[in-house]
C-alpha cells in the first residue's frame, strides 16, 4: 500500500505492523504496540522520578498512570518491571517487582549465584492491568564485587531440540558456572551458555 505516517494510522493498523521482522525473523511476533508501551513506560518513569528512592511507590504511581492511559484499550496491554534504589554508603539495595523475572545476585563472598527474593507476596503483578495495584519493597545488601544480573524472560525462554525450555533455573546454573567472570566477559559467557543450550 501507500506509505503512511505513524500519526495518520489507526490503533488497529498500528497493532498489525510487524516491527520485529525488520530486525530478525525470530522477532516476527513483535508489533508496534510493544514499542509504544515501552516508550510510554519510559516517559512515566521519568514523570514519577521523584519517587525513585522508594521503588514500590514508583511502581504504584507508574502502574496507576499506565492503567489510566490504557483504560479505553480493548486488547490487554501490560508490562513487567523491576526497579531498585542503591544506597551506596551502606550497599543497601531496595527493590520492588512488577511481574518481572527475579534478578540473579552473584555473591562474591559466597562464590555462588542465587535469585533475589521476589516471592509472590512482594510482587504486585504486571503494570497496566490493575489500577491501585500494591507493590512492596524488599531489601538486600550488596558487598564489594557482588554483581546483579537483571534480564527479561526472553533470555531463559529458549528451547532446545527436545523442546525443553532453559528456564530461570537453567540460567542460574549458567551464571554459577561462570561465577568468576565479570563485566562484558560474564555477559558474553552467559549468552554463549544460552546459545549452547538452544
Protein backbone atom coordinates (compact mmCIF):
# COMPACT_ATOMS: atom_id res chain seq x y z
CA UNK A 1 0.00 0.00 0.00
CA UNK A 2 0.91 3.62 0.08
CA UNK A 3 3.30 4.80 2.79
CA UNK A 4 1.50 6.20 5.82
CA UNK A 5 2.85 8.43 8.56
CA UNK A 6 2.50 6.95 12.04
CA UNK A 7 0.25 9.78 13.20
CA UNK A 8 -2.15 9.00 10.34
CA UNK A 9 -2.55 5.34 11.32
CA UNK A 10 -5.41 3.94 13.36
CA UNK A 11 -4.77 1.91 16.52
CA UNK A 12 -5.80 -1.26 14.65
CA UNK A 13 -3.33 -0.52 11.84
CA UNK A 14 -0.52 0.07 14.34
CA UNK A 15 -1.26 -3.22 16.12
CA UNK A 16 -0.84 -5.08 12.82
CA UNK A 17 2.56 -3.66 11.89
CA UNK A 18 5.27 -6.33 12.09
CA UNK A 19 8.12 -4.36 13.60
CA UNK A 20 10.08 -7.39 14.81
CA UNK A 21 10.87 -8.88 11.40
CA UNK A 22 12.71 -5.73 10.46
CA UNK A 23 15.37 -6.79 12.96
CA UNK A 24 15.34 -10.57 12.72
CA UNK A 25 12.76 -13.22 11.65
CA UNK A 26 12.72 -14.70 15.17
CA UNK A 27 11.05 -11.49 16.37
CA UNK A 28 8.24 -11.71 13.80
CA UNK A 29 5.55 -11.64 16.51
CA UNK A 30 6.69 -8.28 17.89
CA UNK A 31 4.42 -5.41 16.98
CA UNK A 32 4.49 -1.62 17.21
CA UNK A 33 2.31 -1.84 20.31
CA UNK A 34 5.22 -3.22 22.37
CA UNK A 35 7.46 -0.37 21.27
CA UNK A 36 4.78 2.21 22.09
CA UNK A 37 4.19 0.75 25.55
CA UNK A 38 7.95 0.80 26.17
CA UNK A 39 8.11 4.47 25.18
CA UNK A 40 5.12 5.27 27.43
CA UNK A 41 6.71 3.41 30.33
CA UNK A 42 9.96 5.32 29.93
CA UNK A 43 8.08 8.65 29.95
CA UNK A 44 6.03 7.64 33.00
CA UNK A 45 9.12 6.60 34.95
CA UNK A 46 10.65 9.98 34.13
CA UNK A 47 7.45 11.77 35.24
CA UNK A 48 7.44 9.91 38.56
CA UNK A 49 11.23 10.05 39.11
CA UNK A 50 10.88 11.99 42.40
CA UNK A 51 9.66 8.66 43.84
CA UNK A 52 12.77 6.76 42.69
CA UNK A 53 14.17 6.31 46.20
CA UNK A 54 11.06 4.27 47.08
CA UNK A 55 10.75 1.62 44.33
CA UNK A 56 7.34 0.34 45.49
CA UNK A 57 5.86 3.85 45.39
CA UNK A 58 7.41 4.43 41.97
CA UNK A 59 5.86 1.23 40.58
CA UNK A 60 2.47 2.06 42.15
CA UNK A 61 2.45 5.52 40.56
CA UNK A 62 3.61 4.24 37.16
CA UNK A 63 1.02 1.44 37.28
CA UNK A 64 -1.81 3.86 38.05
CA UNK A 65 -0.76 6.22 35.27
CA UNK A 66 -0.40 3.36 32.79
CA UNK A 67 -3.82 1.98 33.76
CA UNK A 68 -5.35 5.44 33.24
CA UNK A 69 -3.76 5.73 29.78
CA UNK A 70 -4.78 2.23 28.73
CA UNK A 71 -8.29 2.29 30.22
CA UNK A 72 -10.02 2.51 26.83
CA UNK A 73 -7.83 -0.04 25.05
CA UNK A 74 -9.76 -3.24 24.35
CA UNK A 75 -6.77 -5.55 23.97
CA UNK A 76 -4.99 -6.23 27.26
CA UNK A 77 -1.68 -4.35 27.38
CA UNK A 78 0.77 -4.82 30.22
CA UNK A 79 4.46 -4.68 31.02
CA UNK A 80 6.68 -6.22 33.67
CA UNK A 81 9.26 -4.15 35.51
CA UNK A 82 11.66 -4.20 38.40
CA UNK A 83 13.07 -1.08 39.95
CA UNK A 84 15.71 -0.59 42.61
CA UNK A 85 17.46 2.10 44.62
CA UNK A 86 21.01 1.59 45.87
CA UNK A 87 22.26 3.38 48.98
CA UNK A 88 25.96 3.37 48.08
CA UNK A 89 27.46 4.12 51.51
CA UNK A 90 25.83 1.04 53.06
CA UNK A 91 25.29 -1.12 49.98
CA UNK A 92 21.57 -1.40 50.83
CA UNK A 93 19.55 -2.29 47.73
CA UNK A 94 15.82 -1.57 47.99
CA UNK A 95 13.77 -3.04 45.16
CA UNK A 96 10.22 -3.75 44.05
CA UNK A 97 8.97 -6.12 41.39
CA UNK A 98 6.03 -5.85 38.99
CA UNK A 99 5.78 -9.32 37.48
CA UNK A 100 9.36 -9.32 36.22
CA UNK A 101 11.75 -12.30 36.37
CA UNK A 102 13.77 -12.21 39.58
CA UNK A 103 17.31 -10.90 39.04
CA UNK A 104 20.31 -13.09 39.78
CA UNK A 105 22.70 -11.95 42.51
CA UNK A 106 26.27 -13.20 42.32
CA UNK A 107 27.65 -13.04 45.85
CA UNK A 108 31.42 -12.64 45.81
CA UNK A 109 31.98 -13.82 49.40
CA UNK A 110 29.78 -16.91 48.96
CA UNK A 111 31.09 -17.66 45.46
CA UNK A 112 27.65 -18.53 44.21
CA UNK A 113 24.71 -17.05 42.34
CA UNK A 114 21.10 -17.07 43.54
CA UNK A 115 17.85 -15.33 42.71
CA UNK A 116 16.88 -12.21 44.63
CA UNK A 117 13.87 -12.75 46.87
CA UNK A 118 10.88 -11.97 44.66
CA UNK A 119 8.17 -14.03 46.31
CA UNK A 120 4.57 -13.57 45.26
CA UNK A 121 3.62 -11.52 48.32
CA UNK A 122 6.25 -8.95 47.30
CA UNK A 123 5.24 -8.97 43.64
CA UNK A 124 2.40 -6.59 42.78
CA UNK A 125 1.79 -8.07 39.35
CA UNK A 126 2.45 -6.60 35.95
CA UNK A 127 1.89 -2.91 35.23
CA UNK A 128 -1.15 -1.68 33.32
CA UNK A 129 -3.75 -4.26 34.36
CA UNK A 130 -4.97 -3.48 37.90
CA UNK A 131 -5.45 0.15 38.92
CA UNK A 132 -4.44 0.64 42.53
CA UNK A 133 -2.10 -2.36 42.44
CA UNK A 134 0.03 -2.58 45.59
CA UNK A 135 3.78 -3.17 45.42
CA UNK A 136 6.12 -3.84 48.32
CA UNK A 137 9.77 -3.08 48.82
CA UNK A 138 12.30 -5.75 49.65
CA UNK A 139 15.90 -5.19 50.69
CA UNK A 140 19.26 -6.86 50.48
CA UNK A 141 22.83 -5.64 50.80
CA UNK A 142 25.43 -5.61 48.07
CA UNK A 143 29.04 -6.07 49.06
CA UNK A 144 32.33 -5.49 47.28
CA UNK A 145 32.48 -7.35 43.93
CA UNK A 146 28.88 -8.60 44.12
CA UNK A 147 27.10 -8.46 40.77
CA UNK A 148 23.41 -8.19 39.95
CA UNK A 149 22.03 -9.56 36.68
CA UNK A 150 18.73 -8.08 35.53
CA UNK A 151 17.18 -9.59 32.40
CA UNK A 152 13.91 -10.19 30.58
CA UNK A 153 12.17 -13.52 30.11
CA UNK A 154 13.42 -13.78 26.53
CA UNK A 155 16.84 -14.97 27.70
CA UNK A 156 15.53 -18.05 29.52
CA UNK A 157 12.51 -18.89 27.38
CA UNK A 158 14.71 -20.52 24.73
CA UNK A 159 14.13 -24.18 23.92
CA UNK A 160 16.48 -26.90 22.76
CA UNK A 161 15.96 -29.58 20.08
CA UNK A 162 13.98 -31.67 22.61
CA UNK A 163 11.54 -28.78 23.19
CA UNK A 164 12.90 -28.34 26.73
CA UNK A 165 12.96 -24.76 27.99
CA UNK A 166 16.10 -23.39 29.64
CA UNK A 167 14.07 -21.67 32.36
CA UNK A 168 15.23 -19.45 35.20
CA UNK A 169 16.97 -22.31 36.98
CA UNK A 170 18.90 -23.15 33.81
CA UNK A 171 20.02 -19.53 33.52
CA UNK A 172 21.02 -19.61 37.19
CA UNK A 173 23.14 -22.71 36.52
CA UNK A 174 24.91 -20.92 33.66
CA UNK A 175 25.55 -17.93 35.96
CA UNK A 176 27.03 -20.25 38.62
CA UNK A 177 29.24 -21.95 36.02
CA UNK A 178 30.65 -18.52 35.07
CA UNK A 179 30.74 -17.07 38.57
CA UNK A 180 34.38 -15.91 38.44
CA UNK A 181 33.81 -13.76 35.36
CA UNK A 182 32.55 -10.19 35.41
CA UNK A 183 31.57 -7.35 33.13
CA UNK A 184 31.46 -7.95 29.40
CA UNK A 185 33.08 -11.37 29.74
CA UNK A 186 30.31 -12.54 32.08
CA UNK A 187 27.66 -11.30 29.62
CA UNK A 188 29.43 -12.99 26.71
CA UNK A 189 29.63 -16.31 28.56
CA UNK A 190 26.02 -16.15 29.72
CA UNK A 191 24.81 -15.59 26.17
CA UNK A 192 27.13 -18.34 24.91
CA UNK A 193 25.66 -20.72 27.51
CA UNK A 194 22.12 -19.86 26.41
CA UNK A 195 23.04 -20.39 22.74
CA UNK A 196 24.74 -23.69 23.54
CA UNK A 197 21.58 -24.90 25.32
CA UNK A 198 19.39 -23.98 22.36
